PDB file of N, CA and C in Angstrom:
ATOM      1  N   UNK A   1      -6.642  -6.305  39.979  1.00  0.00           N
ATOM      2  CA  UNK A   1      -7.176  -6.552  41.305  1.00  0.00           C
ATOM      3  C   UNK A   1      -6.987  -5.295  42.139  1.00  0.00           C
ATOM      4  N   UNK A   2      -8.050  -4.766  42.719  1.00  0.00           N
ATOM      5  CA  UNK A   2      -7.921  -3.538  43.494  1.00  0.00           C
ATOM      6  C   UNK A   2      -7.120  -3.764  44.776  1.00  0.00           C
ATOM      7  N   UNK A   3      -6.464  -2.702  45.190  1.00  0.00           N
ATOM      8  CA  UNK A   3      -5.684  -2.751  46.412  1.00  0.00           C
ATOM      9  C   UNK A   3      -6.645  -2.651  47.592  1.00  0.00           C
ATOM     10  N   UNK A   4      -6.574  -3.608  48.561  1.00  0.00           N
ATOM     11  CA  UNK A   4      -7.492  -3.536  49.689  1.00  0.00           C
ATOM     12  C   UNK A   4      -7.199  -2.334  50.564  1.00  0.00           C
ATOM     13  N   UNK A   5      -8.256  -1.718  51.031  1.00  0.00           N
ATOM     14  CA  UNK A   5      -8.128  -0.547  51.881  1.00  0.00           C
ATOM     15  C   UNK A   5      -8.185  -1.017  53.323  1.00  0.00           C
ATOM     16  N   UNK A   6      -7.210  -0.611  54.108  1.00  0.00           N
ATOM     17  CA  UNK A   6      -7.156  -1.057  55.495  1.00  0.00           C
ATOM     18  C   UNK A   6      -7.647   0.016  56.444  1.00  0.00           C
ATOM     19  N   UNK A   7      -8.762  -0.183  57.086  1.00  0.00           N
ATOM     20  CA  UNK A   7      -9.243   0.659  58.163  1.00  0.00           C
ATOM     21  C   UNK A   7      -9.607   2.071  57.781  1.00  0.00           C
ATOM     22  N   UNK A   8     -10.846   2.430  57.950  1.00  0.00           N
ATOM     23  CA  UNK A   8     -11.276   3.801  57.731  1.00  0.00           C
ATOM     24  C   UNK A   8     -11.410   4.164  56.269  1.00  0.00           C
ATOM     25  N   UNK A   9     -11.337   5.469  56.023  1.00  0.00           N
ATOM     26  CA  UNK A   9     -11.528   5.976  54.665  1.00  0.00           C
ATOM     27  C   UNK A   9     -10.208   6.208  53.938  1.00  0.00           C
ATOM     28  N   UNK A  10      -9.108   5.730  54.483  1.00  0.00           N
ATOM     29  CA  UNK A  10      -7.809   5.961  53.852  1.00  0.00           C
ATOM     30  C   UNK A  10      -7.701   5.136  52.580  1.00  0.00           C
ATOM     31  N   UNK A  11      -7.098   5.722  51.552  1.00  0.00           N
ATOM     32  CA  UNK A  11      -6.904   5.030  50.294  1.00  0.00           C
ATOM     33  C   UNK A  11      -5.562   4.325  50.275  1.00  0.00           C
ATOM     34  N   UNK A  12      -5.180   3.803  49.119  1.00  0.00           N
ATOM     35  CA  UNK A  12      -3.894   3.123  49.018  1.00  0.00           C
ATOM     36  C   UNK A  12      -2.736   4.092  49.244  1.00  0.00           C
ATOM     37  N   UNK A  13      -1.649   3.568  49.799  1.00  0.00           N
ATOM     38  CA  UNK A  13      -0.494   4.414  50.071  1.00  0.00           C
ATOM     39  C   UNK A  13       0.245   4.721  48.776  1.00  0.00           C
ATOM     40  N   UNK A  14       1.217   5.597  48.869  1.00  0.00           N
ATOM     41  CA  UNK A  14       2.006   5.957  47.691  1.00  0.00           C
ATOM     42  C   UNK A  14       2.776   4.749  47.170  1.00  0.00           C
ATOM     43  N   UNK A  15       3.273   3.927  48.076  1.00  0.00           N
ATOM     44  CA  UNK A  15       4.001   2.731  47.652  1.00  0.00           C
ATOM     45  C   UNK A  15       3.076   1.745  46.956  1.00  0.00           C
ATOM     46  N   UNK A  16       1.835   1.631  47.432  1.00  0.00           N
ATOM     47  CA  UNK A  16       0.862   0.767  46.759  1.00  0.00           C
ATOM     48  C   UNK A  16       0.560   1.268  45.347  1.00  0.00           C
ATOM     49  N   UNK A  17       0.462   2.577  45.196  1.00  0.00           N
ATOM     50  CA  UNK A  17       0.235   3.157  43.866  1.00  0.00           C
ATOM     51  C   UNK A  17       1.431   2.896  42.951  1.00  0.00           C
ATOM     52  N   UNK A  18       2.639   2.986  43.509  1.00  0.00           N
ATOM     53  CA  UNK A  18       3.853   2.724  42.740  1.00  0.00           C
ATOM     54  C   UNK A  18       3.874   1.279  42.261  1.00  0.00           C
ATOM     55  N   UNK A  19       3.540   0.350  43.156  1.00  0.00           N
ATOM     56  CA  UNK A  19       3.519  -1.069  42.778  1.00  0.00           C
ATOM     57  C   UNK A  19       2.458  -1.349  41.722  1.00  0.00           C
ATOM     58  N   UNK A  20       1.283  -0.742  41.888  1.00  0.00           N
ATOM     59  CA  UNK A  20       0.206  -0.967  40.938  1.00  0.00           C
ATOM     60  C   UNK A  20       0.584  -0.445  39.551  1.00  0.00           C
ATOM     61  N   UNK A  21       1.206   0.739  39.486  1.00  0.00           N
ATOM     62  CA  UNK A  21       1.655   1.269  38.201  1.00  0.00           C
ATOM     63  C   UNK A  21       2.731   0.410  37.570  1.00  0.00           C
ATOM     64  N   UNK A  22       3.647  -0.124  38.396  1.00  0.00           N
ATOM     65  CA  UNK A  22       4.708  -0.987  37.869  1.00  0.00           C
ATOM     66  C   UNK A  22       4.131  -2.289  37.317  1.00  0.00           C
ATOM     67  N   UNK A  23       3.132  -2.845  37.992  1.00  0.00           N
ATOM     68  CA  UNK A  23       2.524  -4.087  37.496  1.00  0.00           C
ATOM     69  C   UNK A  23       1.753  -3.845  36.194  1.00  0.00           C
ATOM     70  N   UNK A  24       1.023  -2.741  36.122  1.00  0.00           N
ATOM     71  CA  UNK A  24       0.289  -2.446  34.887  1.00  0.00           C
ATOM     72  C   UNK A  24       1.257  -2.201  33.736  1.00  0.00           C
ATOM     73  N   UNK A  25       2.277  -1.376  33.982  1.00  0.00           N
ATOM     74  CA  UNK A  25       3.253  -1.093  32.930  1.00  0.00           C
ATOM     75  C   UNK A  25       4.048  -2.320  32.533  1.00  0.00           C
ATOM     76  N   UNK A  26       4.371  -3.160  33.506  1.00  0.00           N
ATOM     77  CA  UNK A  26       5.108  -4.381  33.199  1.00  0.00           C
ATOM     78  C   UNK A  26       4.312  -5.341  32.341  1.00  0.00           C
ATOM     79  N   UNK A  27       3.020  -5.473  32.628  1.00  0.00           N
ATOM     80  CA  UNK A  27       2.197  -6.385  31.824  1.00  0.00           C
ATOM     81  C   UNK A  27       2.008  -5.847  30.404  1.00  0.00           C
ATOM     82  N   UNK A  28       1.809  -4.556  30.279  1.00  0.00           N
ATOM     83  CA  UNK A  28       1.699  -3.966  28.932  1.00  0.00           C
ATOM     84  C   UNK A  28       3.029  -4.098  28.200  1.00  0.00           C
ATOM     85  N   UNK A  29       4.130  -3.876  28.913  1.00  0.00           N
ATOM     86  CA  UNK A  29       5.457  -3.994  28.310  1.00  0.00           C
ATOM     87  C   UNK A  29       5.765  -5.404  27.831  1.00  0.00           C
ATOM     88  N   UNK A  30       5.323  -6.411  28.592  1.00  0.00           N
ATOM     89  CA  UNK A  30       5.533  -7.791  28.149  1.00  0.00           C
ATOM     90  C   UNK A  30       4.819  -8.069  26.831  1.00  0.00           C
ATOM     91  N   UNK A  31       3.603  -7.600  26.729  1.00  0.00           N
ATOM     92  CA  UNK A  31       2.834  -7.832  25.502  1.00  0.00           C
ATOM     93  C   UNK A  31       3.452  -7.093  24.320  1.00  0.00           C
ATOM     94  N   UNK A  32       3.805  -5.825  24.528  1.00  0.00           N
ATOM     95  CA  UNK A  32       4.415  -5.043  23.454  1.00  0.00           C
ATOM     96  C   UNK A  32       5.770  -5.643  23.067  1.00  0.00           C
ATOM     97  N   UNK A  33       6.545  -6.074  24.068  1.00  0.00           N
ATOM     98  CA  UNK A  33       7.833  -6.712  23.790  1.00  0.00           C
ATOM     99  C   UNK A  33       7.678  -7.992  22.997  1.00  0.00           C
ATOM    100  N   UNK A  34       6.642  -8.767  23.307  1.00  0.00           N
ATOM    101  CA  UNK A  34       6.393  -9.985  22.537  1.00  0.00           C
ATOM    102  C   UNK A  34       6.061  -9.662  21.086  1.00  0.00           C
ATOM    103  N   UNK A  35       5.206  -8.658  20.892  1.00  0.00           N
ATOM    104  CA  UNK A  35       4.801  -8.303  19.522  1.00  0.00           C
ATOM    105  C   UNK A  35       5.993  -7.802  18.717  1.00  0.00           C
ATOM    106  N   UNK A  36       6.732  -6.834  19.272  1.00  0.00           N
ATOM    107  CA  UNK A  36       7.873  -6.287  18.528  1.00  0.00           C
ATOM    108  C   UNK A  36       9.006  -7.295  18.398  1.00  0.00           C
ATOM    109  N   UNK A  37       9.234  -8.081  19.436  1.00  0.00           N
ATOM    110  CA  UNK A  37      10.285  -9.095  19.366  1.00  0.00           C
ATOM    111  C   UNK A  37       9.985 -10.146  18.318  1.00  0.00           C
ATOM    112  N   UNK A  38       8.764 -10.638  18.297  1.00  0.00           N
ATOM    113  CA  UNK A  38       8.385 -11.641  17.301  1.00  0.00           C
ATOM    114  C   UNK A  38       8.469 -11.069  15.891  1.00  0.00           C
ATOM    115  N   UNK A  39       8.048  -9.811  15.746  1.00  0.00           N
ATOM    116  CA  UNK A  39       8.135  -9.172  14.422  1.00  0.00           C
ATOM    117  C   UNK A  39       9.584  -9.053  13.959  1.00  0.00           C
ATOM    118  N   UNK A  40      10.467  -8.632  14.846  1.00  0.00           N
ATOM    119  CA  UNK A  40      11.876  -8.488  14.461  1.00  0.00           C
ATOM    120  C   UNK A  40      12.548  -9.830  14.224  1.00  0.00           C
ATOM    121  N   UNK A  41      12.175 -10.853  14.968  1.00  0.00           N
ATOM    122  CA  UNK A  41      12.736 -12.185  14.732  1.00  0.00           C
ATOM    123  C   UNK A  41      12.285 -12.712  13.382  1.00  0.00           C
ATOM    124  N   UNK A  42      11.046 -12.472  13.036  1.00  0.00           N
ATOM    125  CA  UNK A  42      10.549 -12.920  11.721  1.00  0.00           C
ATOM    126  C   UNK A  42      11.247 -12.160  10.604  1.00  0.00           C
ATOM    127  N   UNK A  43      11.436 -10.856  10.782  1.00  0.00           N
ATOM    128  CA  UNK A  43      12.045 -10.040   9.720  1.00  0.00           C
ATOM    129  C   UNK A  43      13.547 -10.257   9.576  1.00  0.00           C
ATOM    130  N   UNK A  44      14.273 -10.286  10.704  1.00  0.00           N
ATOM    131  CA  UNK A  44      15.736 -10.287  10.643  1.00  0.00           C
ATOM    132  C   UNK A  44      16.378 -11.572  11.137  1.00  0.00           C
ATOM    133  N   UNK A  45      15.622 -12.502  11.649  1.00  0.00           N
ATOM    134  CA  UNK A  45      16.180 -13.737  12.180  1.00  0.00           C
ATOM    135  C   UNK A  45      16.527 -13.594  13.654  1.00  0.00           C
ATOM    136  N   UNK A  46      16.722 -14.724  14.335  1.00  0.00           N
ATOM    137  CA  UNK A  46      16.956 -14.686  15.776  1.00  0.00           C
ATOM    138  C   UNK A  46      18.354 -14.225  16.172  1.00  0.00           C
ATOM    139  N   UNK A  47      19.313 -14.288  15.287  1.00  0.00           N
ATOM    140  CA  UNK A  47      20.664 -13.870  15.634  1.00  0.00           C
ATOM    141  C   UNK A  47      21.413 -14.982  16.355  1.00  0.00           C
ATOM    142  N   UNK A  48      22.582 -14.658  16.904  1.00  0.00           N
ATOM    143  CA  UNK A  48      23.421 -15.707  17.524  1.00  0.00           C
ATOM    144  C   UNK A  48      22.873 -16.229  18.856  1.00  0.00           C
ATOM    145  N   UNK A  49      21.974 -15.501  19.506  1.00  0.00           N
ATOM    146  CA  UNK A  49      21.461 -15.929  20.815  1.00  0.00           C
ATOM    147  C   UNK A  49      20.326 -16.938  20.723  1.00  0.00           C
ATOM    148  N   UNK A  50      19.766 -17.138  19.580  1.00  0.00           N
ATOM    149  CA  UNK A  50      18.630 -18.048  19.455  1.00  0.00           C
ATOM    150  C   UNK A  50      17.315 -17.302  19.597  1.00  0.00           C
ATOM    151  N   UNK A  51      16.250 -18.013  19.221  1.00  0.00           N
ATOM    152  CA  UNK A  51      14.948 -17.354  19.172  1.00  0.00           C
ATOM    153  C   UNK A  51      14.402 -17.012  20.559  1.00  0.00           C
ATOM    154  N   UNK A  52      14.429 -17.948  21.497  1.00  0.00           N
ATOM    155  CA  UNK A  52      13.823 -17.700  22.804  1.00  0.00           C
ATOM    156  C   UNK A  52      14.581 -16.639  23.599  1.00  0.00           C
ATOM    157  N   UNK A  53      15.893 -16.676  23.562  1.00  0.00           N
ATOM    158  CA  UNK A  53      16.662 -15.682  24.318  1.00  0.00           C
ATOM    159  C   UNK A  53      16.461 -14.284  23.723  1.00  0.00           C
ATOM    160  N   UNK A  54      16.424 -14.183  22.404  1.00  0.00           N
ATOM    161  CA  UNK A  54      16.206 -12.889  21.761  1.00  0.00           C
ATOM    162  C   UNK A  54      14.816 -12.353  22.083  1.00  0.00           C
ATOM    163  N   UNK A  55      13.813 -13.209  21.992  1.00  0.00           N
ATOM    164  CA  UNK A  55      12.446 -12.789  22.316  1.00  0.00           C
ATOM    165  C   UNK A  55      12.341 -12.396  23.787  1.00  0.00           C
ATOM    166  N   UNK A  56      12.976 -13.138  24.659  1.00  0.00           N
ATOM    167  CA  UNK A  56      12.968 -12.814  26.085  1.00  0.00           C
ATOM    168  C   UNK A  56      13.624 -11.475  26.377  1.00  0.00           C
ATOM    169  N   UNK A  57      14.698 -11.164  25.666  1.00  0.00           N
ATOM    170  CA  UNK A  57      15.365  -9.870  25.856  1.00  0.00           C
ATOM    171  C   UNK A  57      14.453  -8.716  25.440  1.00  0.00           C
ATOM    172  N   UNK A  58      13.755  -8.884  24.339  1.00  0.00           N
ATOM    173  CA  UNK A  58      12.801  -7.860  23.914  1.00  0.00           C
ATOM    174  C   UNK A  58      11.700  -7.678  24.965  1.00  0.00           C
ATOM    175  N   UNK A  59      11.170  -8.787  25.452  1.00  0.00           N
ATOM    176  CA  UNK A  59      10.056  -8.714  26.391  1.00  0.00           C
ATOM    177  C   UNK A  59      10.481  -8.124  27.735  1.00  0.00           C
ATOM    178  N   UNK A  60      11.623  -8.551  28.262  1.00  0.00           N
ATOM    179  CA  UNK A  60      12.082  -8.042  29.559  1.00  0.00           C
ATOM    180  C   UNK A  60      12.457  -6.569  29.459  1.00  0.00           C
ATOM    181  N   UNK A  61      13.136  -6.195  28.386  1.00  0.00           N
ATOM    182  CA  UNK A  61      13.517  -4.785  28.211  1.00  0.00           C
ATOM    183  C   UNK A  61      12.312  -3.879  28.104  1.00  0.00           C
ATOM    184  N   UNK A  62      11.329  -4.303  27.343  1.00  0.00           N
ATOM    185  CA  UNK A  62      10.121  -3.503  27.184  1.00  0.00           C
ATOM    186  C   UNK A  62       9.320  -3.449  28.487  1.00  0.00           C
ATOM    187  N   UNK A  63       9.239  -4.567  29.204  1.00  0.00           N
ATOM    188  CA  UNK A  63       8.481  -4.614  30.458  1.00  0.00           C
ATOM    189  C   UNK A  63       9.112  -3.723  31.522  1.00  0.00           C
ATOM    190  N   UNK A  64      10.441  -3.737  31.629  1.00  0.00           N
ATOM    191  CA  UNK A  64      11.070  -2.887  32.639  1.00  0.00           C
ATOM    192  C   UNK A  64      10.917  -1.412  32.295  1.00  0.00           C
ATOM    193  N   UNK A  65      11.043  -1.074  31.027  1.00  0.00           N
ATOM    194  CA  UNK A  65      10.898   0.331  30.632  1.00  0.00           C
ATOM    195  C   UNK A  65       9.479   0.824  30.875  1.00  0.00           C
ATOM    196  N   UNK A  66       8.492   0.069  30.386  1.00  0.00           N
ATOM    197  CA  UNK A  66       7.098   0.461  30.586  1.00  0.00           C
ATOM    198  C   UNK A  66       6.749   0.500  32.068  1.00  0.00           C
ATOM    199  N   UNK A  67       7.196  -0.497  32.815  1.00  0.00           N
ATOM    200  CA  UNK A  67       6.885  -0.559  34.235  1.00  0.00           C
ATOM    201  C   UNK A  67       7.468   0.605  35.008  1.00  0.00           C
ATOM    202  N   UNK A  68       8.705   0.971  34.673  1.00  0.00           N
ATOM    203  CA  UNK A  68       9.357   2.088  35.355  1.00  0.00           C
ATOM    204  C   UNK A  68       8.604   3.391  35.136  1.00  0.00           C
ATOM    205  N   UNK A  69       8.334   3.701  33.884  1.00  0.00           N
ATOM    206  CA  UNK A  69       7.672   4.967  33.594  1.00  0.00           C
ATOM    207  C   UNK A  69       6.209   4.983  34.049  1.00  0.00           C
ATOM    208  N   UNK A  70       5.536   3.840  33.977  1.00  0.00           N
ATOM    209  CA  UNK A  70       4.144   3.795  34.424  1.00  0.00           C
ATOM    210  C   UNK A  70       4.055   3.933  35.942  1.00  0.00           C
ATOM    211  N   UNK A  71       5.004   3.369  36.677  1.00  0.00           N
ATOM    212  CA  UNK A  71       4.971   3.511  38.135  1.00  0.00           C
ATOM    213  C   UNK A  71       5.205   4.954  38.545  1.00  0.00           C
ATOM    214  N   UNK A  72       6.125   5.622  37.887  1.00  0.00           N
ATOM    215  CA  UNK A  72       6.365   7.035  38.194  1.00  0.00           C
ATOM    216  C   UNK A  72       5.144   7.874  37.815  1.00  0.00           C
ATOM    217  N   UNK A  73       4.600   7.626  36.638  1.00  0.00           N
ATOM    218  CA  UNK A  73       3.435   8.392  36.187  1.00  0.00           C
ATOM    219  C   UNK A  73       2.225   8.191  37.070  1.00  0.00           C
ATOM    220  N   UNK A  74       1.990   6.958  37.511  1.00  0.00           N
ATOM    221  CA  UNK A  74       0.849   6.687  38.380  1.00  0.00           C
ATOM    222  C   UNK A  74       1.011   7.379  39.726  1.00  0.00           C
ATOM    223  N   UNK A  75       2.223   7.349  40.257  1.00  0.00           N
ATOM    224  CA  UNK A  75       2.466   7.987  41.549  1.00  0.00           C
ATOM    225  C   UNK A  75       2.306   9.497  41.460  1.00  0.00           C
ATOM    226  N   UNK A  76       2.844  10.100  40.421  1.00  0.00           N
ATOM    227  CA  UNK A  76       2.740  11.552  40.262  1.00  0.00           C
ATOM    228  C   UNK A  76       1.299  11.974  40.022  1.00  0.00           C
ATOM    229  N   UNK A  77       0.597  11.220  39.201  1.00  0.00           N
ATOM    230  CA  UNK A  77      -0.768  11.596  38.838  1.00  0.00           C
ATOM    231  C   UNK A  77      -1.712  11.513  40.031  1.00  0.00           C
ATOM    232  N   UNK A  78      -1.538  10.540  40.894  1.00  0.00           N
ATOM    233  CA  UNK A  78      -2.486  10.358  41.977  1.00  0.00           C
ATOM    234  C   UNK A  78      -2.070  11.052  43.260  1.00  0.00           C
ATOM    235  N   UNK A  79      -0.860  11.554  43.339  1.00  0.00           N
ATOM    236  CA  UNK A  79      -0.392  12.210  44.556  1.00  0.00           C
ATOM    237  C   UNK A  79      -0.467  13.717  44.353  1.00  0.00           C
ATOM    238  N   UNK A  80      -1.601  14.305  44.723  1.00  0.00           N
ATOM    239  CA  UNK A  80      -1.779  15.731  44.496  1.00  0.00           C
ATOM    240  C   UNK A  80      -1.949  16.461  45.829  1.00  0.00           C
ATOM    241  N   UNK A  81      -1.628  17.724  45.796  1.00  0.00           N
ATOM    242  CA  UNK A  81      -1.758  18.537  46.997  1.00  0.00           C
ATOM    243  C   UNK A  81      -3.198  19.043  47.115  1.00  0.00           C
ATOM    244  N   UNK A  82      -3.610  19.453  48.304  1.00  0.00           N
ATOM    245  CA  UNK A  82      -4.971  19.986  48.456  1.00  0.00           C
ATOM    246  C   UNK A  82      -5.200  21.258  47.642  1.00  0.00           C
ATOM    247  N   UNK A  83      -4.148  22.046  47.442  1.00  0.00           N
ATOM    248  CA  UNK A  83      -4.283  23.270  46.646  1.00  0.00           C
ATOM    249  C   UNK A  83      -4.611  22.920  45.199  1.00  0.00           C
ATOM    250  N   UNK A  84      -3.908  21.902  44.661  1.00  0.00           N
ATOM    251  CA  UNK A  84      -4.168  21.491  43.284  1.00  0.00           C
ATOM    252  C   UNK A  84      -5.556  20.876  43.153  1.00  0.00           C
ATOM    253  N   UNK A  85      -5.981  20.117  44.142  1.00  0.00           N
ATOM    254  CA  UNK A  85      -7.319  19.514  44.097  1.00  0.00           C
ATOM    255  C   UNK A  85      -8.405  20.588  44.126  1.00  0.00           C
ATOM    256  N   UNK A  86      -8.198  21.625  44.934  1.00  0.00           N
ATOM    257  CA  UNK A  86      -9.172  22.719  44.997  1.00  0.00           C
ATOM    258  C   UNK A  86      -9.207  23.497  43.683  1.00  0.00           C
ATOM    259  N   UNK A  87      -8.041  23.737  43.086  1.00  0.00           N
ATOM    260  CA  UNK A  87      -7.984  24.443  41.803  1.00  0.00           C
ATOM    261  C   UNK A  87      -8.677  23.637  40.715  1.00  0.00           C
ATOM    262  N   UNK A  88      -8.495  22.324  40.725  1.00  0.00           N
ATOM    263  CA  UNK A  88      -9.169  21.477  39.737  1.00  0.00           C
ATOM    264  C   UNK A  88     -10.669  21.507  39.942  1.00  0.00           C
ATOM    265  N   UNK A  89     -11.113  21.473  41.202  1.00  0.00           N
ATOM    266  CA  UNK A  89     -12.551  21.512  41.478  1.00  0.00           C
ATOM    267  C   UNK A  89     -13.161  22.826  41.015  1.00  0.00           C
ATOM    268  N   UNK A  90     -12.434  23.928  41.229  1.00  0.00           N
ATOM    269  CA  UNK A  90     -12.942  25.226  40.771  1.00  0.00           C
ATOM    270  C   UNK A  90     -12.987  25.293  39.249  1.00  0.00           C
ATOM    271  N   UNK A  91     -11.988  24.726  38.593  1.00  0.00           N
ATOM    272  CA  UNK A  91     -11.928  24.795  37.136  1.00  0.00           C
ATOM    273  C   UNK A  91     -12.959  23.894  36.471  1.00  0.00           C
ATOM    274  N   UNK A  92     -13.370  22.832  37.144  1.00  0.00           N
ATOM    275  CA  UNK A  92     -14.303  21.898  36.519  1.00  0.00           C
ATOM    276  C   UNK A  92     -15.758  22.177  36.863  1.00  0.00           C
ATOM    277  N   UNK A  93     -16.036  23.291  37.537  1.00  0.00           N
ATOM    278  CA  UNK A  93     -17.423  23.664  37.826  1.00  0.00           C
ATOM    279  C   UNK A  93     -18.138  24.065  36.549  1.00  0.00           C
ATOM    280  N   UNK A  94     -19.437  23.992  36.602  1.00  0.00           N
ATOM    281  CA  UNK A  94     -20.229  24.455  35.471  1.00  0.00           C
ATOM    282  C   UNK A  94     -20.134  25.978  35.375  1.00  0.00           C
ATOM    283  N   UNK A  95     -20.130  26.516  34.184  1.00  0.00           N
ATOM    284  CA  UNK A  95     -20.042  27.970  34.059  1.00  0.00           C
ATOM    285  C   UNK A  95     -21.317  28.644  34.554  1.00  0.00           C
ATOM    286  N   UNK A  96     -21.144  29.817  35.130  1.00  0.00           N
ATOM    287  CA  UNK A  96     -22.302  30.563  35.611  1.00  0.00           C
ATOM    288  C   UNK A  96     -22.899  31.339  34.440  1.00  0.00           C
ATOM    289  N   UNK A  97     -24.152  31.130  34.200  1.00  0.00           N
ATOM    290  CA  UNK A  97     -24.821  31.786  33.083  1.00  0.00           C
ATOM    291  C   UNK A  97     -25.595  32.987  33.622  1.00  0.00           C
ATOM    292  N   UNK A  98     -25.309  34.147  33.085  1.00  0.00           N
ATOM    293  CA  UNK A  98     -25.968  35.372  33.519  1.00  0.00           C
ATOM    294  C   UNK A  98     -27.167  35.603  32.613  1.00  0.00           C
ATOM    295  N   UNK A  99     -28.323  35.869  33.187  1.00  0.00           N
ATOM    296  CA  UNK A  99     -29.510  36.058  32.352  1.00  0.00           C
ATOM    297  C   UNK A  99     -29.370  37.270  31.425  1.00  0.00           C
ATOM    298  N   UNK A 100     -29.968  37.150  30.261  1.00  0.00           N
ATOM    299  CA  UNK A 100     -29.867  38.204  29.258  1.00  0.00           C
ATOM    300  C   UNK A 100     -30.611  39.469  29.677  1.00  0.00           C
ATOM    301  N   UNK A 101     -31.618  39.370  30.533  1.00  0.00           N
ATOM    302  CA  UNK A 101     -32.375  40.544  30.953  1.00  0.00           C
ATOM    303  C   UNK A 101     -31.485  41.556  31.658  1.00  0.00           C
ATOM    304  N   UNK A 102     -30.454  41.104  32.238  1.00  0.00           N
ATOM    305  CA  UNK A 102     -29.570  42.000  32.969  1.00  0.00           C
ATOM    306  C   UNK A 102     -28.850  42.980  32.038  1.00  0.00           C
ATOM    307  N   UNK A 103     -28.650  42.591  30.804  1.00  0.00           N
ATOM    308  CA  UNK A 103     -27.899  43.431  29.878  1.00  0.00           C
ATOM    309  C   UNK A 103     -28.774  44.189  28.888  1.00  0.00           C
ATOM    310  N   UNK A 104     -30.067  44.034  28.964  1.00  0.00           N
ATOM    311  CA  UNK A 104     -30.947  44.756  28.046  1.00  0.00           C
ATOM    312  C   UNK A 104     -31.079  46.196  28.501  1.00  0.00           C
ATOM    313  N   UNK A 105     -31.174  47.073  27.535  1.00  0.00           N
ATOM    314  CA  UNK A 105     -31.391  48.487  27.850  1.00  0.00           C
ATOM    315  C   UNK A 105     -32.835  48.684  28.264  1.00  0.00           C
ATOM    316  N   UNK A 106     -33.044  49.546  29.229  1.00  0.00           N
ATOM    317  CA  UNK A 106     -34.451  49.788  29.604  1.00  0.00           C
ATOM    318  C   UNK A 106     -35.178  50.491  28.464  1.00  0.00           C
ATOM    319  N   UNK A 107     -36.347  49.989  28.196  1.00  0.00           N
ATOM    320  CA  UNK A 107     -37.134  50.579  27.115  1.00  0.00           C
ATOM    321  C   UNK A 107     -37.914  51.786  27.639  1.00  0.00           C
ATOM    322  N   UNK A 108     -37.862  52.825  26.856  1.00  0.00           N
ATOM    323  CA  UNK A 108     -38.571  54.049  27.232  1.00  0.00           C
ATOM    324  C   UNK A 108     -39.976  53.933  26.667  1.00  0.00           C
ATOM    325  N   UNK A 109     -40.936  54.092  27.550  1.00  0.00           N
ATOM    326  CA  UNK A 109     -42.330  53.980  27.112  1.00  0.00           C
ATOM    327  C   UNK A 109     -42.713  55.250  26.389  1.00  0.00           C
ATOM    328  N   UNK A 110     -43.195  55.074  25.214  1.00  0.00           N
ATOM    329  CA  UNK A 110     -43.646  56.215  24.429  1.00  0.00           C
ATOM    330  C   UNK A 110     -45.166  56.256  24.439  1.00  0.00           C
ATOM    331  N   UNK A 111     -45.679  57.432  24.240  1.00  0.00           N
ATOM    332  CA  UNK A 111     -47.119  57.574  24.231  1.00  0.00           C
ATOM    333  C   UNK A 111     -47.667  56.945  22.961  1.00  0.00           C
ATOM    334  N   UNK A 112     -48.735  56.284  23.139  1.00  0.00           N
ATOM    335  CA  UNK A 112     -49.342  55.662  21.987  1.00  0.00           C
ATOM    336  C   UNK A 112     -50.066  56.697  21.146  1.00  0.00           C
ATOM    337  N   UNK A 113     -49.824  56.658  19.906  1.00  0.00           N
ATOM    338  CA  UNK A 113     -50.476  57.612  18.994  1.00  0.00           C
ATOM    339  C   UNK A 113     -51.687  56.944  18.385  1.00  0.00           C
ATOM    340  N   UNK A 114     -52.732  57.687  18.297  1.00  0.00           N
ATOM    341  CA  UNK A 114     -53.960  57.130  17.749  1.00  0.00           C
ATOM    342  C   UNK A 114     -54.138  57.448  16.308  1.00  0.00           C
TER     343      UNK A 114
END
């Protein structure tokens, strides 16, 4: 769900970007934690904590790790300075193509022989 923009052309704040990255990373982490947790429970057994508690530990641990790093990455990636934005714009321009006629040697006209 996109973050609503309040008034004018301003985009989401840095805190909104942090929250959005944490939610995306947390949801991906829950899914990955479920997959790896279920795989390890099937392979090695649930252990002394039982199946649900073990699976929950995998899911929560993975969700917090993914959420933490995704929130930091999202904030860093979207928070750029005007100097960096200008450098990126200059670097992503189309290359200037110089016509080949500029580099050709002038041909010396010779007299036509009959």
